Amino acid sequence: MPRIALIEDLTDGPIPPGSAILIEFDAASQWLNSSVTIAAAWLRTGGSVSYVAFSRPPDQVRVQLRTLGLDTEELERTDRLWITDAYSASVGKKSSERFAMESLKVADLSIYIGRESMIDSPAPEFIIIADNVSVLDRFNAERNWVELFLTRPIPMMKARRITSLNGVIKGIHSDWAYKQLEAAADAIIDFNLDESAEETRDMMRIRNMQNANCDRRWHQLRINKSFEVTLDK
């Protein structure tokens, strides 16, 4: 059974397929490296990954996965790795990727997601990782993109038993937005940069988990030379 690295390191057992996991991260935290670590571990243990790259070009995600020892060309050829380019639209460029969002406006995203929702077969071996959904705030009224997320992608993933990890930056949205997203989530994970001591520390915790027993303490993260992230328990 594929496993969710870092997060399932802190649970007593597997997180049920179809869980909606909300990641709230400091902008300077290790969430982006952690998201690729999670993708790599899921692929190594037999699962398939759809990675939605909002924060950086897809090729940067591929390079990091290759640094972690994965054959991205083969994984994409066999449809075990899908990297969707949301970055190009965010900087006003046309994407050359196989999978790409041409616009980040809610009206266009609703059509894009609608096409995806026509596939209704369960896929519990898949996870979807959206590295930085907060980018949508630059192109839409906050209420519109939050309500889109609550009514389309999250229910669709639950119906297909696909676990989703959706990253949002801390401290830039309204309290209403965070509370709405948190209420819809099965788990809330925090990635912080602790600057309280002389040396900064990268930290992670499970703030809340609705469907699995877990360790809810803060844990320090370790980053190796290939930018793989591990827990210091």
C-alpha atoms as a PDB file:
ATOM      1  CA  MET A   1       0.000   0.000   0.000  1.00  0.00           C
ATOM      2  CA  PRO A   2       1.432   3.439  -0.901  1.00  0.00           C
ATOM      3  CA  ARG A   3       2.213   5.660   2.071  1.00  0.00           C
ATOM      4  CA  ILE A   4       2.221   9.401   2.713  1.00  0.00           C
ATOM      5  CA  ALA A   5       5.718  10.196   3.967  1.00  0.00           C
ATOM      6  CA  LEU A   6       6.113  12.617   6.887  1.00  0.00           C
ATOM      7  CA  ILE A   7       2.391  12.683   7.665  1.00  0.00           C
ATOM      8  CA  GLU A   8       1.879   8.919   8.085  1.00  0.00           C
ATOM      9  CA  ASP A   9       5.142   8.837  10.037  1.00  0.00           C
ATOM     10  CA  LEU A  10       3.052  10.514  12.753  1.00  0.00           C
ATOM     11  CA  THR A  11      -0.105   8.365  12.555  1.00  0.00           C
ATOM     12  CA  ASP A  12      -0.900   4.948  14.031  1.00  0.00           C
ATOM     13  CA  GLY A  13      -2.023   3.627  10.666  1.00  0.00           C
ATOM     14  CA  PRO A  14      -2.829   4.607   7.090  1.00  0.00           C
ATOM     15  CA  ILE A  15      -4.943   7.654   6.330  1.00  0.00           C
ATOM     16  CA  PRO A  16      -8.151   6.552   4.537  1.00  0.00           C
ATOM     17  CA  PRO A  17      -8.216   7.109   0.765  1.00  0.00           C
ATOM     18  CA  GLY A  18     -10.194  10.179  -0.250  1.00  0.00           C
ATOM     19  CA  SER A  19      -9.011  12.278   2.679  1.00  0.00           C
ATOM     20  CA  ALA A  20      -8.739  16.033   2.146  1.00  0.00           C
ATOM     21  CA  ILE A  21      -5.508  17.250   3.781  1.00  0.00           C
ATOM     22  CA  LEU A  22      -5.018  20.988   4.202  1.00  0.00           C
ATOM     23  CA  ILE A  23      -1.409  22.185   4.451  1.00  0.00           C
ATOM     24  CA  GLU A  24      -0.936  25.615   6.046  1.00  0.00           C
ATOM     25  CA  PHE A  25       2.660  26.727   5.563  1.00  0.00           C
ATOM     26  CA  ASP A  26       4.949  29.640   6.313  1.00  0.00           C
ATOM     27  CA  ALA A  27       6.279  31.073   3.057  1.00  0.00           C
ATOM     28  CA  ALA A  28       9.861  30.351   4.223  1.00  0.00           C
ATOM     29  CA  SER A  29       9.090  26.823   5.470  1.00  0.00           C
ATOM     30  CA  GLN A  30      10.111  23.485   3.943  1.00  0.00           C
ATOM     31  CA  TRP A  31       6.676  22.683   2.508  1.00  0.00           C
ATOM     32  CA  LEU A  32       7.748  22.710  -1.163  1.00  0.00           C
ATOM     33  CA  ASN A  33      10.637  20.307  -0.529  1.00  0.00           C
ATOM     34  CA  SER A  34       8.321  18.242   1.660  1.00  0.00           C
ATOM     35  CA  SER A  35       5.680  18.077  -1.070  1.00  0.00           C
ATOM     36  CA  VAL A  36       8.202  16.545  -3.475  1.00  0.00           C
ATOM     37  CA  THR A  37       9.433  14.175  -0.752  1.00  0.00           C
ATOM     38  CA  ILE A  38       5.825  13.025  -0.247  1.00  0.00           C
ATOM     39  CA  ALA A  39       5.350  12.575  -4.006  1.00  0.00           C
ATOM     40  CA  ALA A  40       8.568  10.562  -4.319  1.00  0.00           C
ATOM     41  CA  ALA A  41       7.723   8.267  -1.393  1.00  0.00           C
ATOM     42  CA  TRP A  42       4.227   7.613  -2.736  1.00  0.00           C
ATOM     43  CA  LEU A  43       5.636   6.715  -6.151  1.00  0.00           C
ATOM     44  CA  ARG A  44       8.325   4.452  -4.633  1.00  0.00           C
ATOM     45  CA  THR A  45       5.679   2.488  -2.741  1.00  0.00           C
ATOM     46  CA  GLY A  46       3.606   1.783  -5.850  1.00  0.00           C
ATOM     47  CA  GLY A  47       1.194   4.690  -6.003  1.00  0.00           C
ATOM     48  CA  SER A  48       0.533   7.339  -8.633  1.00  0.00           C
ATOM     49  CA  VAL A  49       0.806  11.102  -8.200  1.00  0.00           C
ATOM     50  CA  SER A  50      -0.856  14.117  -9.764  1.00  0.00           C
ATOM     51  CA  TYR A  51       1.278  17.135  -8.837  1.00  0.00           C
ATOM     52  CA  VAL A  52      -0.201  20.575  -9.549  1.00  0.00           C
ATOM     53  CA  ALA A  53       2.715  23.030  -9.753  1.00  0.00           C
ATOM     54  CA  PHE A  54       1.558  26.550  -8.863  1.00  0.00           C
ATOM     55  CA  SER A  55       4.805  27.826  -7.324  1.00  0.00           C
ATOM     56  CA  ARG A  56       7.414  26.836  -9.906  1.00  0.00           C
ATOM     57  CA  PRO A  57       7.804  25.397 -13.416  1.00  0.00           C
ATOM     58  CA  PRO A  58       7.108  21.657 -13.786  1.00  0.00           C
ATOM     59  CA  ASP A  59      10.688  20.992 -14.906  1.00  0.00           C
ATOM     60  CA  GLN A  60      11.930  22.079 -11.499  1.00  0.00           C
ATOM     61  CA  VAL A  61       9.682  19.467  -9.901  1.00  0.00           C
ATOM     62  CA  ARG A  62      11.022  16.844 -12.315  1.00  0.00           C
ATOM     63  CA  VAL A  63      14.640  17.745 -11.559  1.00  0.00           C
ATOM     64  CA  GLN A  64      14.018  17.375  -7.835  1.00  0.00           C
ATOM     65  CA  LEU A  65      12.276  14.027  -8.289  1.00  0.00           C
ATOM     66  CA  ARG A  66      15.190  12.793 -10.391  1.00  0.00           C
ATOM     67  CA  THR A  67      17.586  13.952  -7.678  1.00  0.00           C
ATOM     68  CA  LEU A  68      15.623  11.664  -5.355  1.00  0.00           C
ATOM     69  CA  GLY A  69      16.319   8.744  -7.693  1.00  0.00           C
ATOM     70  CA  LEU A  70      13.098   8.551  -9.719  1.00  0.00           C
ATOM     71  CA  ASP A  71      12.826   8.037 -13.472  1.00  0.00           C
ATOM     72  CA  THR A  72      10.340  10.807 -14.223  1.00  0.00           C
ATOM     73  CA  GLU A  73      10.285  10.092 -17.967  1.00  0.00           C
ATOM     74  CA  GLU A  74       9.173   6.504 -17.408  1.00  0.00           C
ATOM     75  CA  LEU A  75       6.723   7.458 -14.667  1.00  0.00           C
ATOM     76  CA  GLU A  76       5.070  10.049 -16.905  1.00  0.00           C
ATOM     77  CA  ARG A  77       5.080   7.689 -19.907  1.00  0.00           C
ATOM     78  CA  THR A  78       3.209   5.071 -17.887  1.00  0.00           C
ATOM     79  CA  ASP A  79       0.807   7.640 -16.390  1.00  0.00           C
ATOM     80  CA  ARG A  80       1.977   7.140 -12.829  1.00  0.00           C
ATOM     81  CA  LEU A  81       3.152  10.747 -12.592  1.00  0.00           C
ATOM     82  CA  TRP A  82       1.089  13.643 -13.862  1.00  0.00           C
ATOM     83  CA  ILE A  83       2.531  17.132 -13.449  1.00  0.00           C
ATOM     84  CA  THR A  84       0.015  19.867 -14.185  1.00  0.00           C
ATOM     85  CA  ASP A  85       1.429  23.267 -15.063  1.00  0.00           C
ATOM     86  CA  ALA A  86      -0.408  26.005 -13.188  1.00  0.00           C
ATOM     87  CA  TYR A  87       2.744  28.106 -12.971  1.00  0.00           C
ATOM     88  CA  SER A  88       2.818  29.304 -16.597  1.00  0.00           C
ATOM     89  CA  ALA A  89      -0.692  30.758 -16.369  1.00  0.00           C
ATOM     90  CA  SER A  90       0.299  32.570 -13.172  1.00  0.00           C
ATOM     91  CA  VAL A  91       3.092  34.429 -14.998  1.00  0.00           C
ATOM     92  CA  GLY A  92       1.190  35.020 -18.233  1.00  0.00           C
ATOM     93  CA  LYS A  93       2.917  32.424 -20.391  1.00  0.00           C
ATOM     94  CA  LYS A  94       1.565  29.661 -22.602  1.00  0.00           C
ATOM     95  CA  SER A  95       2.462  26.213 -21.353  1.00  0.00           C
ATOM     96  CA  SER A  96       4.082  23.495 -23.444  1.00  0.00           C
ATOM     97  CA  GLU A  97       3.160  20.803 -20.928  1.00  0.00           C
ATOM     98  CA  ARG A  98       0.868  17.854 -21.609  1.00  0.00           C
ATOM     99  CA  PHE A  99      -1.248  18.896 -18.619  1.00  0.00           C
ATOM    100  CA  ALA A 100      -1.729  22.607 -18.030  1.00  0.00           C
ATOM    101  CA  MET A 101      -4.192  25.165 -16.734  1.00  0.00           C
ATOM    102  CA  GLU A 102      -4.558  27.886 -19.345  1.00  0.00           C
ATOM    103  CA  SER A 103      -6.205  30.306 -16.903  1.00  0.00           C
ATOM    104  CA  LEU A 104      -6.439  30.585 -13.111  1.00  0.00           C
ATOM    105  CA  LYS A 105      -9.720  32.484 -13.109  1.00  0.00           C
ATOM    106  CA  VAL A 106     -12.540  30.659 -11.335  1.00  0.00           C
ATOM    107  CA  ALA A 107     -14.849  30.575 -14.367  1.00  0.00           C
ATOM    108  CA  ASP A 108     -12.163  28.862 -16.458  1.00  0.00           C
ATOM    109  CA  LEU A 109     -11.056  26.558 -13.658  1.00  0.00           C
ATOM    110  CA  SER A 110     -14.645  25.430 -13.164  1.00  0.00           C
ATOM    111  CA  ILE A 111     -14.730  24.238 -16.793  1.00  0.00           C
ATOM    112  CA  TYR A 112     -11.311  22.571 -16.416  1.00  0.00           C
ATOM    113  CA  ILE A 113     -12.367  20.766 -13.244  1.00  0.00           C
ATOM    114  CA  GLY A 114     -15.691  19.843 -14.843  1.00  0.00           C
ATOM    115  CA  ARG A 115     -13.869  17.892 -17.551  1.00  0.00           C
ATOM    116  CA  GLU A 116     -11.905  16.035 -14.890  1.00  0.00           C
ATOM    117  CA  SER A 117     -15.046  15.243 -12.894  1.00  0.00           C
ATOM    118  CA  MET A 118     -16.451  13.260 -15.828  1.00  0.00           C
ATOM    119  CA  ILE A 119     -14.071  10.488 -14.744  1.00  0.00           C
ATOM    120  CA  ASP A 120     -15.834   8.836 -11.819  1.00  0.00           C
ATOM    121  CA  SER A 121     -13.889   5.614 -11.261  1.00  0.00           C
ATOM    122  CA  PRO A 122     -12.326   5.172  -7.793  1.00  0.00           C
ATOM    123  CA  ALA A 123      -8.540   5.597  -7.715  1.00  0.00           C
ATOM    124  CA  PRO A 124      -7.343   5.075  -4.110  1.00  0.00           C
ATOM    125  CA  GLU A 125      -3.772   4.531  -5.304  1.00  0.00           C
ATOM    126  CA  PHE A 126      -3.628   8.182  -6.464  1.00  0.00           C
ATOM    127  CA  ILE A 127      -2.797  11.297  -4.484  1.00  0.00           C
ATOM    128  CA  ILE A 128      -3.085  14.857  -5.723  1.00  0.00           C
ATOM    129  CA  ILE A 129      -0.653  17.459  -4.400  1.00  0.00           C
ATOM    130  CA  ALA A 130      -1.368  21.145  -5.082  1.00  0.00           C
ATOM    131  CA  ASP A 131       1.724  22.938  -3.840  1.00  0.00           C
ATOM    132  CA  ASN A 132       0.327  26.463  -3.397  1.00  0.00           C
ATOM    133  CA  VAL A 133      -3.380  27.093  -3.912  1.00  0.00           C
ATOM    134  CA  SER A 134      -2.894  30.614  -2.512  1.00  0.00           C
ATOM    135  CA  VAL A 135      -1.787  31.686  -6.005  1.00  0.00           C
ATOM    136  CA  LEU A 136      -5.480  31.675  -6.960  1.00  0.00           C
ATOM    137  CA  ASP A 137      -5.985  34.717  -4.713  1.00  0.00           C
ATOM    138  CA  ARG A 138      -4.054  36.845  -7.219  1.00  0.00           C
ATOM    139  CA  PHE A 139      -6.629  36.233  -9.950  1.00  0.00           C
ATOM    140  CA  ASN A 140      -9.946  35.879  -8.111  1.00  0.00           C
ATOM    141  CA  ALA A 141     -12.032  37.287  -5.304  1.00  0.00           C
ATOM    142  CA  GLU A 142     -11.220  35.243  -2.217  1.00  0.00           C
ATOM    143  CA  ARG A 143     -14.765  33.978  -1.640  1.00  0.00           C
ATOM    144  CA  ASN A 144     -14.990  32.749  -5.237  1.00  0.00           C
ATOM    145  CA  TRP A 145     -11.872  30.567  -5.258  1.00  0.00           C
ATOM    146  CA  VAL A 146     -12.528  29.206  -1.763  1.00  0.00           C
ATOM    147  CA  GLU A 147     -16.088  28.234  -2.653  1.00  0.00           C
ATOM    148  CA  LEU A 148     -14.881  26.642  -5.899  1.00  0.00           C
ATOM    149  CA  PHE A 149     -12.483  24.492  -3.908  1.00  0.00           C
ATOM    150  CA  LEU A 150     -15.136  23.506  -1.389  1.00  0.00           C
ATOM    151  CA  THR A 151     -17.757  22.557  -3.973  1.00  0.00           C
ATOM    152  CA  ARG A 152     -15.732  21.002  -6.789  1.00  0.00           C
ATOM    153  CA  PRO A 153     -12.243  19.471  -6.246  1.00  0.00           C
ATOM    154  CA  ILE A 154     -12.645  18.313  -2.622  1.00  0.00           C
ATOM    155  CA  PRO A 155     -15.999  16.476  -3.124  1.00  0.00           C
ATOM    156  CA  MET A 156     -14.788  15.063  -6.452  1.00  0.00           C
ATOM    157  CA  MET A 157     -11.649  13.621  -4.832  1.00  0.00           C
ATOM    158  CA  LYS A 158     -13.645  12.145  -1.961  1.00  0.00           C
ATOM    159  CA  ALA A 159     -16.028  10.447  -4.379  1.00  0.00           C
ATOM    160  CA  ARG A 160     -13.108   8.889  -6.261  1.00  0.00           C
ATOM    161  CA  ARG A 161     -11.221   8.023  -3.038  1.00  0.00           C
ATOM    162  CA  ILE A 162      -8.239  10.123  -4.107  1.00  0.00           C
ATOM    163  CA  THR A 163      -6.355  11.717  -1.225  1.00  0.00           C
ATOM    164  CA  SER A 164      -5.568  15.398  -1.814  1.00  0.00           C
ATOM    165  CA  LEU A 165      -2.944  17.636  -0.199  1.00  0.00           C
ATOM    166  CA  ASN A 166      -3.644  21.320  -0.761  1.00  0.00           C
ATOM    167  CA  GLY A 167      -1.106  23.938   0.348  1.00  0.00           C
ATOM    168  CA  VAL A 168      -2.085  27.469   1.402  1.00  0.00           C
ATOM    169  CA  ILE A 169       0.256  30.165   2.723  1.00  0.00           C
ATOM    170  CA  LYS A 170      -0.288  31.258   6.304  1.00  0.00           C
ATOM    171  CA  GLY A 171      -1.231  34.794   7.186  1.00  0.00           C
ATOM    172  CA  ILE A 172      -2.300  36.179   3.806  1.00  0.00           C
ATOM    173  CA  HIS A 173      -5.979  35.201   3.575  1.00  0.00           C
ATOM    174  CA  SER A 174      -8.950  36.201   5.702  1.00  0.00           C
ATOM    175  CA  ASP A 175      -9.937  34.300   8.820  1.00  0.00           C
ATOM    176  CA  TRP A 176     -13.124  33.324   6.940  1.00  0.00           C
ATOM    177  CA  ALA A 177     -11.100  31.624   4.196  1.00  0.00           C
ATOM    178  CA  TYR A 178      -8.935  29.611   6.591  1.00  0.00           C
ATOM    179  CA  LYS A 179     -11.937  28.531   8.676  1.00  0.00           C
ATOM    180  CA  GLN A 180     -13.893  27.407   5.605  1.00  0.00           C
ATOM    181  CA  LEU A 181     -10.968  25.376   4.266  1.00  0.00           C
ATOM    182  CA  GLU A 182     -10.210  23.916   7.698  1.00  0.00           C
ATOM    183  CA  ALA A 183     -13.842  22.871   8.219  1.00  0.00           C
ATOM    184  CA  ALA A 184     -13.788  20.945   4.926  1.00  0.00           C
ATOM    185  CA  ALA A 185     -10.494  19.172   5.693  1.00  0.00           C
ATOM    186  CA  ASP A 186     -10.008  15.728   7.202  1.00  0.00           C
ATOM    187  CA  ALA A 187      -6.575  16.791   8.426  1.00  0.00           C
ATOM    188  CA  ILE A 188      -4.724  20.067   8.969  1.00  0.00           C
ATOM    189  CA  ILE A 189      -0.921  20.059   8.790  1.00  0.00           C
ATOM    190  CA  ASP A 190       1.317  23.007   9.719  1.00  0.00           C
ATOM    191  CA  PHE A 191       4.768  23.728   8.276  1.00  0.00           C
ATOM    192  CA  ASN A 192       6.556  26.509  10.163  1.00  0.00           C
ATOM    193  CA  LEU A 193       9.913  28.217  10.348  1.00  0.00           C
ATOM    194  CA  ASP A 194      10.787  28.585  14.034  1.00  0.00           C
ATOM    195  CA  GLU A 195      12.912  31.708  14.582  1.00  0.00           C
ATOM    196  CA  SER A 196      12.654  31.803  18.385  1.00  0.00           C
ATOM    197  CA  ALA A 197      16.249  30.601  18.946  1.00  0.00           C
ATOM    198  CA  GLU A 198      19.592  31.707  17.529  1.00  0.00           C
ATOM    199  CA  GLU A 199      19.386  29.045  14.827  1.00  0.00           C
ATOM    200  CA  THR A 200      16.175  28.746  12.809  1.00  0.00           C
ATOM    201  CA  ARG A 201      14.423  25.376  12.797  1.00  0.00           C
ATOM    202  CA  ASP A 202      12.098  23.855  10.207  1.00  0.00           C
ATOM    203  CA  MET A 203       9.067  22.411  11.972  1.00  0.00           C
ATOM    204  CA  MET A 204       5.975  20.355  11.178  1.00  0.00           C
ATOM    205  CA  ARG A 205       2.962  19.147  13.129  1.00  0.00           C
ATOM    206  CA  ILE A 206      -0.420  17.538  12.611  1.00  0.00           C
ATOM    207  CA  ARG A 207      -2.777  20.139  14.088  1.00  0.00           C
ATOM    208  CA  ASN A 208      -5.884  18.030  13.579  1.00  0.00           C
ATOM    209  CA  MET A 209      -6.698  14.592  12.137  1.00  0.00           C
ATOM    210  CA  GLN A 210     -10.314  13.467  11.857  1.00  0.00           C
ATOM    211  CA  ASN A 211      -9.871   9.899  10.648  1.00  0.00           C
ATOM    212  CA  ALA A 212      -6.635   8.517  12.135  1.00  0.00           C
ATOM    213  CA  ASN A 213      -4.906   8.541  15.506  1.00  0.00           C
ATOM    214  CA  CYS A 214      -1.812  10.727  15.399  1.00  0.00           C
ATOM    215  CA  ASP A 215       1.042  12.431  17.210  1.00  0.00           C
ATOM    216  CA  ARG A 216       0.094  16.130  17.343  1.00  0.00           C
ATOM    217  CA  ARG A 217       3.377  17.480  18.711  1.00  0.00           C
ATOM    218  CA  TRP A 218       5.743  19.742  16.776  1.00  0.00           C
ATOM    219  CA  HIS A 219       8.619  17.880  15.091  1.00  0.00           C
ATOM    220  CA  GLN A 220      11.793  19.264  13.573  1.00  0.00           C
ATOM    221  CA  LEU A 221      12.510  18.516   9.933  1.00  0.00           C
ATOM    222  CA  ARG A 222      15.857  17.465   8.488  1.00  0.00           C
ATOM    223  CA  ILE A 223      16.800  18.254   4.877  1.00  0.00           C
ATOM    224  CA  ASN A 224      19.537  16.207   3.209  1.00  0.00           C
ATOM    225  CA  LYS A 225      21.766  17.112   0.252  1.00  0.00           C
ATOM    226  CA  SER A 226      19.160  15.959  -2.270  1.00  0.00           C
ATOM    227  CA  PHE A 227      16.529  18.119  -0.493  1.00  0.00           C
ATOM    228  CA  GLU A 228      14.660  15.081   0.793  1.00  0.00           C
ATOM    229  CA  VAL A 229      12.874  15.930   4.026  1.00  0.00           C
ATOM    230  CA  THR A 230      12.689  13.603   7.032  1.00  0.00           C
ATOM    231  CA  LEU A 231      11.330  13.891  10.565  1.00  0.00           C
ATOM    232  CA  ASP A 232      13.541  14.270  13.578  1.00  0.00           C
ATOM    233  CA  LYS A 233      11.383  12.432  16.095  1.00  0.00           C
END
